[in-house]
Amino acid sequence: MEQPRIKELRRAYGFDEVAIVPGDVTINPEQTNIDLQIGHFTFHTPIIASAMDAVVSPAFAVMIGKMGGLGVLNLEGVWTRYDNPKDVLQSVIECPADKVTPLLQKIYTAPLKDNLIGERIQEIKREGVVCAVSVTPPNTKKFAPLVNEAKADILVVQSTVTTARHKSKSYRGLHFDELVRQVKMPVIVGNCVGFGAALELIETGIDGLLVGVGPGAACTTREVLGIGVPQVTATLDCSAARDYYHRRTGKYVAIITDGGIRTGGDLCKSFACGADAVMIGTPFAQTTEAPGKGFNWGMASPHPALPRGTRIKVGIRGGLQQVLFGPSTVTDGTQNLAGALRLAMGSCGAGKIRDFHKAELVVAPAMKTEGKVFQLAHSI
């Protein structure tokens, strides 16, 4: 009897399982260049705030934009459903934990208001910063003309899993190559975790790709659906697709690791794996300026039939300036993220982010525990 073929599993790695190897040459951190290019826009801080209602308001987008980063406003959230979203956010913040999911489901069934889309975009544009907005694939065709008319700068199309080939019996699927031609602005698409899906999306002409399925602190996709790939492996695979496409065509597409980044160490490992930027939610939800006031919840939390997220209490730990640039008052790596990136790059002799992509990585399961017995005892 022939032995049945058994499915083989490959090993995948998350942030806590790898380490960056210092280089043979070092550079002063202040001499490193951490600029991010998306389309014709240059950002001096390659850190993007997630399109979560508890993270990015128009005011927050303006603030991070003036600090050199980018905030993405969710065009399918409370900011475009309610004229006064602050009252709605407060109701979520004050809601008991056992009743919050039904409340979120109710809140997000309110109709989207086309006029608010233009108004929110203009709130950001008036302050002279780059305006990025996020929509889901089912609503992209409807909202793209409104986004164009309001003169947003970057369009992000985002769902739990996005591919270039979506099959449906009910409608003609979204074609990203057509979207890119229609909106005439940089388009970022996500999320994906594999080489093949990444390459097909990149080939449609997009300018940025979001990497990550389910790693976010407020996301329960991995528990509910069982899908996802740890971020180190996902970023390596997707950046390999980016590099392959760049060698073939000469066009460079930004890889953006999205989710699961808690500390400067996680952020630096993302870049060493091939990311050009990171997208962060919960660390920004912990700032004094975030609209969630110490709470966070994901975009999939209010799904009417199968919620894949939850409201979490993250607390308030400092201001946006501290998180991005310090000075840090804690030793856990959650503040001065840009400074951590520069120091890691300098330690590896990487003057630019693309140089940092070449840094050696090793599998290091003892990375966080080796020699840390007193720190671990103190944290218990």
Protein backbone atom coordinates (compact mmCIF):
# COMPACT_ATOMS: atom_id res chain seq x y z
CA MET A 1 0.00 0.00 0.00
CA GLU A 2 1.36 3.38 -1.01
CA GLN A 3 1.95 5.72 1.89
CA PRO A 4 -0.37 8.74 1.73
CA ARG A 5 1.18 12.11 1.00
CA ILE A 6 1.37 14.20 4.16
CA LYS A 7 1.14 17.97 4.07
CA GLU A 8 4.48 19.48 5.01
CA LEU A 9 4.75 22.56 7.18
CA ARG A 10 7.48 25.16 6.92
CA ARG A 11 8.73 27.08 9.95
CA ALA A 12 7.57 30.68 10.31
CA TYR A 13 8.99 33.27 12.70
CA GLY A 14 7.65 36.14 14.75
CA PHE A 15 9.45 39.11 16.27
CA ASP A 16 10.38 37.38 19.54
CA GLU A 17 12.16 34.51 17.75
CA VAL A 18 14.80 36.43 15.77
CA ALA A 19 17.57 38.94 16.38
CA ILE A 20 19.47 41.45 14.25
CA VAL A 21 23.23 40.88 14.03
CA PRO A 22 25.33 44.05 14.40
CA GLY A 23 27.48 44.95 11.41
CA ASP A 24 31.24 45.08 10.90
CA VAL A 25 30.95 48.86 10.41
CA THR A 26 28.98 51.30 12.55
CA ILE A 27 27.52 54.74 11.77
CA ASN A 28 26.49 57.60 14.00
CA PRO A 29 22.69 57.34 14.39
CA GLU A 30 22.14 60.99 13.44
CA GLN A 31 23.82 60.32 10.08
CA THR A 32 21.25 57.71 9.06
CA ASN A 33 18.49 58.50 6.56
CA ILE A 34 15.11 56.99 7.43
CA ASP A 35 13.06 58.70 4.71
CA LEU A 36 10.09 56.84 3.21
CA GLN A 37 8.97 57.33 -0.38
CA ILE A 38 5.36 56.60 -1.41
CA GLY A 39 4.64 57.74 -4.91
CA HIS A 40 5.94 61.31 -5.14
CA PHE A 41 5.59 61.92 -1.39
CA THR A 42 8.55 61.78 0.99
CA PHE A 43 8.07 61.17 4.72
CA HIS A 44 10.94 61.78 7.12
CA THR A 45 9.46 59.39 9.69
CA PRO A 46 8.59 55.96 8.18
CA ILE A 47 5.89 55.25 10.74
CA ILE A 48 2.21 55.19 9.76
CA ALA A 49 -0.74 55.36 12.15
CA SER A 50 -3.37 52.67 11.51
CA ALA A 51 -6.78 53.53 10.10
CA MET A 52 -8.52 52.77 13.39
CA ASP A 53 -11.19 55.05 14.81
CA ALA A 54 -9.58 54.97 18.26
CA VAL A 55 -6.21 55.94 16.78
CA VAL A 56 -6.60 58.40 13.90
CA SER A 57 -8.92 61.38 13.95
CA PRO A 58 -8.45 64.28 11.52
CA ALA A 59 -6.62 66.13 14.30
CA PHE A 60 -4.32 63.16 15.00
CA ALA A 61 -3.58 62.81 11.26
CA VAL A 62 -2.54 66.46 11.17
CA MET A 63 -0.34 66.09 14.25
CA ILE A 64 1.58 63.03 13.05
CA GLY A 65 1.83 64.53 9.58
CA LYS A 66 3.56 67.60 10.99
CA MET A 67 6.00 65.26 12.75
CA GLY A 68 7.01 63.68 9.44
CA GLY A 69 4.84 60.56 9.64
CA LEU A 70 1.47 59.66 8.17
CA GLY A 71 -1.94 59.03 9.73
CA VAL A 72 -4.57 57.10 7.75
CA LEU A 73 -8.20 58.09 8.36
CA ASN A 74 -10.81 55.33 8.21
CA LEU A 75 -13.49 56.50 5.74
CA GLU A 76 -15.87 53.77 6.89
CA GLY A 77 -15.73 54.60 10.58
CA VAL A 78 -17.38 56.99 12.98
CA TRP A 79 -15.74 60.04 11.38
CA THR A 80 -17.85 59.63 8.23
CA ARG A 81 -21.00 58.23 9.86
CA TYR A 82 -21.58 60.85 12.55
CA ASP A 83 -21.44 64.64 12.54
CA ASN A 84 -20.24 64.53 16.15
CA PRO A 85 -18.20 61.32 16.49
CA LYS A 86 -16.72 62.28 19.86
CA ASP A 87 -19.98 61.43 21.63
CA VAL A 88 -20.03 58.06 19.90
CA LEU A 89 -16.44 57.34 20.88
CA GLN A 90 -17.22 58.22 24.46
CA SER A 91 -20.07 55.70 24.52
CA VAL A 92 -17.67 52.98 23.39
CA ILE A 93 -15.12 53.98 26.01
CA GLU A 94 -17.69 53.89 28.83
CA CYS A 95 -19.46 50.69 27.73
CA PRO A 96 -19.12 47.56 29.95
CA ALA A 97 -16.89 44.89 28.41
CA ASP A 98 -19.69 42.33 28.06
CA LYS A 99 -21.82 44.76 26.02
CA VAL A 100 -19.23 46.45 23.83
CA THR A 101 -19.41 44.15 20.77
CA PRO A 102 -23.19 44.65 20.28
CA LEU A 103 -22.66 48.39 20.77
CA LEU A 104 -19.92 48.49 18.12
CA GLN A 105 -22.13 46.52 15.74
CA LYS A 106 -24.93 49.04 16.25
CA ILE A 107 -22.67 52.07 15.88
CA TYR A 108 -21.20 50.88 12.61
CA THR A 109 -24.58 50.17 11.01
CA ALA A 110 -25.28 53.92 10.78
CA PRO A 111 -25.12 55.02 7.14
CA LEU A 112 -21.96 56.54 5.72
CA LYS A 113 -22.44 60.19 4.74
CA ASP A 114 -20.85 61.22 1.47
CA ASN A 115 -20.60 64.86 2.53
CA LEU A 116 -18.56 63.92 5.61
CA ILE A 117 -15.95 62.20 3.45
CA GLY A 118 -15.09 65.48 1.76
CA GLU A 119 -15.30 67.44 5.01
CA ARG A 120 -12.91 65.15 6.89
CA ILE A 121 -10.41 65.16 4.04
CA GLN A 122 -10.50 68.94 3.92
CA GLU A 123 -9.95 69.15 7.70
CA ILE A 124 -6.61 67.43 7.14
CA LYS A 125 -5.69 69.15 3.88
CA ARG A 126 -6.24 72.64 5.30
CA GLU A 127 -3.36 72.03 7.72
CA GLY A 128 -0.90 71.41 4.92
CA VAL A 129 -0.10 67.75 5.58
CA VAL A 130 -0.46 64.71 3.33
CA CYS A 131 -3.96 63.25 3.62
CA ALA A 132 -4.27 59.46 3.47
CA VAL A 133 -7.65 57.73 3.72
CA SER A 134 -8.66 54.08 3.97
CA VAL A 135 -11.57 52.16 2.44
CA THR A 136 -12.42 48.47 2.15
CA PRO A 137 -12.54 46.72 -1.25
CA PRO A 138 -16.38 46.47 -1.40
CA ASN A 139 -16.73 50.26 -1.07
CA THR A 140 -13.71 51.31 -3.13
CA LYS A 141 -15.54 51.81 -6.42
CA LYS A 142 -18.15 54.00 -4.74
CA PHE A 143 -15.77 56.11 -2.69
CA ALA A 144 -12.88 56.51 -5.15
CA PRO A 145 -14.57 59.37 -7.08
CA LEU A 146 -15.43 61.14 -3.80
CA VAL A 147 -11.84 60.77 -2.58
CA ASN A 148 -10.59 62.14 -5.89
CA GLU A 149 -12.96 65.08 -5.82
CA ALA A 150 -11.96 65.99 -2.26
CA LYS A 151 -8.31 65.87 -3.35
CA ALA A 152 -6.98 63.34 -0.86
CA ASP A 153 -3.33 62.51 -1.44
CA ILE A 154 -3.05 58.75 -0.81
CA LEU A 155 -5.72 56.04 -1.02
CA VAL A 156 -5.40 52.93 1.13
CA VAL A 157 -7.53 49.90 0.24
CA GLN A 158 -7.49 47.53 3.17
CA SER A 159 -9.19 44.38 4.40
CA THR A 160 -8.20 41.36 6.49
CA VAL A 161 -6.94 39.54 3.39
CA THR A 162 -6.64 41.23 0.00
CA THR A 163 -5.67 39.61 -3.30
CA ALA A 164 -5.44 40.76 -6.90
CA ARG A 165 -7.89 37.99 -7.91
CA HIS A 166 -11.17 38.00 -6.00
CA LYS A 167 -13.93 35.70 -7.22
CA SER A 168 -17.58 36.56 -6.71
CA LYS A 169 -20.87 35.62 -8.36
CA SER A 170 -22.59 38.85 -7.36
CA TYR A 171 -20.42 41.58 -8.89
CA ARG A 172 -17.38 42.35 -11.01
CA GLY A 173 -14.44 42.35 -8.65
CA LEU A 174 -12.24 45.30 -7.86
CA HIS A 175 -9.33 45.60 -10.29
CA PHE A 176 -6.46 47.52 -8.75
CA ASP A 177 -4.83 48.35 -12.08
CA GLU A 178 -8.03 50.16 -13.08
CA LEU A 179 -8.22 51.88 -9.70
CA VAL A 180 -4.65 53.18 -9.96
CA ARG A 181 -5.44 54.74 -13.35
CA GLN A 182 -8.73 56.18 -12.09
CA VAL A 183 -7.62 57.96 -8.93
CA LYS A 184 -4.27 59.26 -10.18
CA MET A 185 -2.78 59.22 -6.68
CA PRO A 186 -0.56 56.74 -4.85
CA VAL A 187 -2.48 53.61 -3.84
CA ILE A 188 -1.55 51.38 -0.91
CA VAL A 189 -3.19 47.95 -0.72
CA GLY A 190 -3.37 45.32 2.02
CA ASN A 191 -3.23 43.05 3.70
CA CYS A 192 -1.29 40.01 2.55
CA VAL A 193 1.43 37.70 3.87
CA GLY A 194 2.82 35.63 0.97
CA PHE A 195 5.17 36.01 -1.99
CA GLY A 196 2.65 35.06 -4.69
CA ALA A 197 -0.19 37.26 -3.48
CA ALA A 198 2.22 40.13 -2.86
CA LEU A 199 3.72 39.92 -6.34
CA GLU A 200 0.33 39.87 -8.05
CA LEU A 201 -0.79 42.93 -6.08
CA ILE A 202 2.46 44.77 -6.80
CA GLU A 203 2.11 44.04 -10.50
CA THR A 204 -1.17 45.99 -10.61
CA GLY A 205 0.75 49.25 -10.28
CA ILE A 206 0.22 50.07 -6.60
CA ASP A 207 2.72 52.13 -4.63
CA GLY A 208 2.63 50.40 -1.25
CA LEU A 209 1.73 47.01 0.21
CA LEU A 210 0.55 46.33 3.75
CA VAL A 211 1.86 43.10 5.27
CA GLY A 212 0.17 41.29 8.14
CA VAL A 213 -2.92 39.21 8.85
CA GLY A 214 -4.10 39.11 12.45
CA PRO A 215 -1.09 40.25 14.52
CA GLY A 216 -2.65 43.44 15.88
CA ALA A 217 -3.33 43.72 19.60
CA ALA A 218 -7.03 44.45 19.01
CA CYS A 219 -7.50 41.82 16.30
CA THR A 220 -8.80 38.29 16.93
CA THR A 221 -8.64 37.03 13.33
CA ARG A 222 -6.09 34.39 14.24
CA GLU A 223 -8.31 33.05 17.00
CA VAL A 224 -11.58 33.29 15.04
CA LEU A 225 -10.37 32.15 11.61
CA GLY A 226 -7.03 30.49 12.33
CA ILE A 227 -5.31 32.34 9.48
CA GLY A 228 -2.15 34.43 9.46
CA VAL A 229 1.62 34.21 9.22
CA PRO A 230 4.02 35.60 11.86
CA GLN A 231 5.32 39.00 10.86
CA VAL A 232 9.01 38.22 10.38
CA THR A 233 8.30 35.52 7.81
CA ALA A 234 5.46 37.50 6.20
CA THR A 235 7.66 40.57 5.77
CA LEU A 236 10.56 38.53 4.37
CA ASP A 237 8.27 36.85 1.82
CA CYS A 238 6.54 40.03 0.69
CA SER A 239 9.75 42.05 0.50
CA ALA A 240 11.22 39.29 -1.68
CA ALA A 241 8.31 39.85 -4.09
CA ARG A 242 9.02 43.59 -4.01
CA ASP A 243 12.70 43.03 -4.79
CA TYR A 244 11.89 40.59 -7.62
CA TYR A 245 9.50 43.11 -9.18
CA HIS A 246 12.01 45.95 -8.77
CA ARG A 247 14.76 44.00 -10.51
CA ARG A 248 12.40 43.17 -13.35
CA THR A 249 10.77 46.57 -13.89
CA GLY A 250 12.78 49.23 -12.06
CA LYS A 251 9.74 50.33 -10.02
CA TYR A 252 10.10 50.19 -6.25
CA VAL A 253 7.02 49.51 -4.14
CA ALA A 254 7.05 50.26 -0.42
CA ILE A 255 6.55 47.30 1.90
CA ILE A 256 4.73 48.30 5.10
CA THR A 257 4.68 45.85 8.01
CA ASP A 258 1.28 46.32 9.63
CA GLY A 259 0.45 45.04 13.10
CA GLY A 260 2.06 43.28 16.04
CA ILE A 261 4.70 45.96 16.61
CA ARG A 262 4.90 46.78 20.31
CA THR A 263 8.45 48.02 20.81
CA GLY A 264 11.40 49.58 19.06
CA GLY A 265 12.88 46.10 18.77
CA ASP A 266 9.85 44.84 16.83
CA LEU A 267 9.97 47.91 14.61
CA CYS A 268 13.68 47.52 13.85
CA LYS A 269 13.26 43.83 13.03
CA SER A 270 10.51 44.75 10.55
CA PHE A 271 12.90 47.01 8.66
CA ALA A 272 15.72 44.45 8.79
CA CYS A 273 13.29 41.95 7.24
CA GLY A 274 12.71 44.26 4.30
CA ALA A 275 10.04 46.76 5.36
CA ASP A 276 10.25 50.36 4.16
CA ALA A 277 7.75 51.52 6.78
CA VAL A 278 5.61 50.19 9.59
CA MET A 279 1.95 50.73 10.41
CA ILE A 280 1.16 50.92 14.11
CA GLY A 281 -2.12 51.03 15.99
CA THR A 282 -2.06 50.28 19.71
CA PRO A 283 1.17 52.18 20.59
CA PHE A 284 -0.50 55.29 19.16
CA ALA A 285 -3.78 54.46 20.91
CA GLN A 286 -1.79 54.80 24.14
CA THR A 287 -0.96 58.46 23.46
CA THR A 288 -2.67 61.39 25.09
CA GLU A 289 -3.72 62.70 21.67
CA ALA A 290 -5.50 59.53 20.47
CA PRO A 291 -9.30 59.79 20.19
CA GLY A 292 -9.81 56.43 21.94
CA LYS A 293 -8.63 57.84 25.29
CA GLY A 294 -6.71 54.72 26.28
CA PHE A 295 -8.88 52.19 24.43
CA ASN A 296 -8.52 50.58 21.01
CA TRP A 297 -10.57 48.37 18.70
CA GLY A 298 -10.01 47.02 15.22
CA MET A 299 -11.88 47.68 11.99
CA ALA A 300 -13.27 44.13 11.98
CA SER A 301 -14.61 44.40 15.52
CA PRO A 302 -18.13 45.49 14.49
CA HIS A 303 -18.65 42.82 11.79
CA PRO A 304 -22.40 42.06 11.93
CA ALA A 305 -22.03 38.28 11.80
CA LEU A 306 -18.47 37.32 12.77
CA PRO A 307 -16.57 39.99 14.74
CA ARG A 308 -12.79 39.59 14.47
CA GLY A 309 -11.61 42.10 16.99
CA THR A 310 -12.31 43.40 20.42
CA ARG A 311 -12.11 46.60 22.40
CA ILE A 312 -9.02 46.53 24.56
CA LYS A 313 -7.93 48.86 27.34
CA VAL A 314 -4.38 49.95 26.54
CA GLY A 315 -4.05 52.91 28.88
CA ILE A 316 -2.37 56.25 28.24
CA ARG A 317 1.40 56.19 28.52
CA GLY A 318 2.63 59.46 27.01
CA GLY A 319 2.39 61.89 24.15
CA LEU A 320 2.84 61.29 20.44
CA GLN A 321 6.14 63.20 20.50
CA GLN A 322 7.46 60.79 23.14
CA VAL A 323 6.39 57.69 21.23
CA LEU A 324 8.03 58.85 18.02
CA PHE A 325 11.07 60.82 19.18
CA GLY A 326 11.33 60.68 22.97
CA PRO A 327 12.71 61.57 25.36
CA SER A 328 11.82 58.16 26.68
CA THR A 329 10.86 57.83 30.32
CA VAL A 330 10.53 54.02 30.17
CA THR A 331 12.98 51.22 29.45
CA ASP A 332 10.66 48.81 27.64
CA GLY A 333 11.22 50.13 24.12
CA THR A 334 7.78 51.67 23.69
CA GLN A 335 9.00 55.26 23.29
CA ASN A 336 11.35 57.02 20.84
CA LEU A 337 10.67 54.55 18.04
CA ALA A 338 12.40 56.68 15.41
CA GLY A 339 15.47 56.93 17.62
CA ALA A 340 15.52 53.17 18.06
CA LEU A 341 15.46 52.71 14.28
CA ARG A 342 18.34 55.12 13.77
CA LEU A 343 20.43 53.47 16.50
CA ALA A 344 19.81 49.96 15.13
CA MET A 345 20.71 51.10 11.62
CA GLY A 346 23.86 52.75 12.92
CA SER A 347 24.81 49.55 14.78
CA CYS A 348 24.55 47.64 11.51
CA GLY A 349 26.39 50.21 9.41
CA ALA A 350 23.25 51.00 7.41
CA GLY A 351 23.07 54.59 6.21
CA LYS A 352 19.70 54.09 4.52
CA ILE A 353 16.72 51.82 5.11
CA ARG A 354 17.50 49.81 1.97
CA ASP A 355 20.97 49.17 3.38
CA PHE A 356 19.34 47.96 6.60
CA HIS A 357 17.42 45.35 4.58
CA LYS A 358 20.76 43.60 4.13
CA ALA A 359 21.39 43.20 7.87
CA GLU A 360 21.92 39.64 9.02
CA LEU A 361 19.15 38.01 11.06
CA VAL A 362 19.50 34.94 13.24
CA VAL A 363 16.96 32.62 14.82
CA ALA A 364 17.21 33.48 18.53
CA PRO A 365 14.53 31.95 20.76
CA ALA A 366 16.48 33.07 23.87
CA MET A 367 16.76 36.66 22.63
CA LYS A 368 14.44 38.12 25.27
CA THR A 369 15.35 35.86 28.19
CA GLU A 370 19.11 35.30 28.04
CA GLY A 371 20.68 36.94 31.08
CA LYS A 372 17.43 38.70 32.01
CA VAL A 373 16.52 36.76 35.15
CA PHE A 374 16.27 39.86 37.33
CA GLN A 375 14.21 41.78 34.76
CA LEU A 376 11.85 38.84 34.39
CA ALA A 377 11.51 38.47 38.16
CA HIS A 378 10.75 42.16 38.50
CA SER A 379 8.02 42.00 35.85
CA ILE A 380 6.11 39.20 37.61
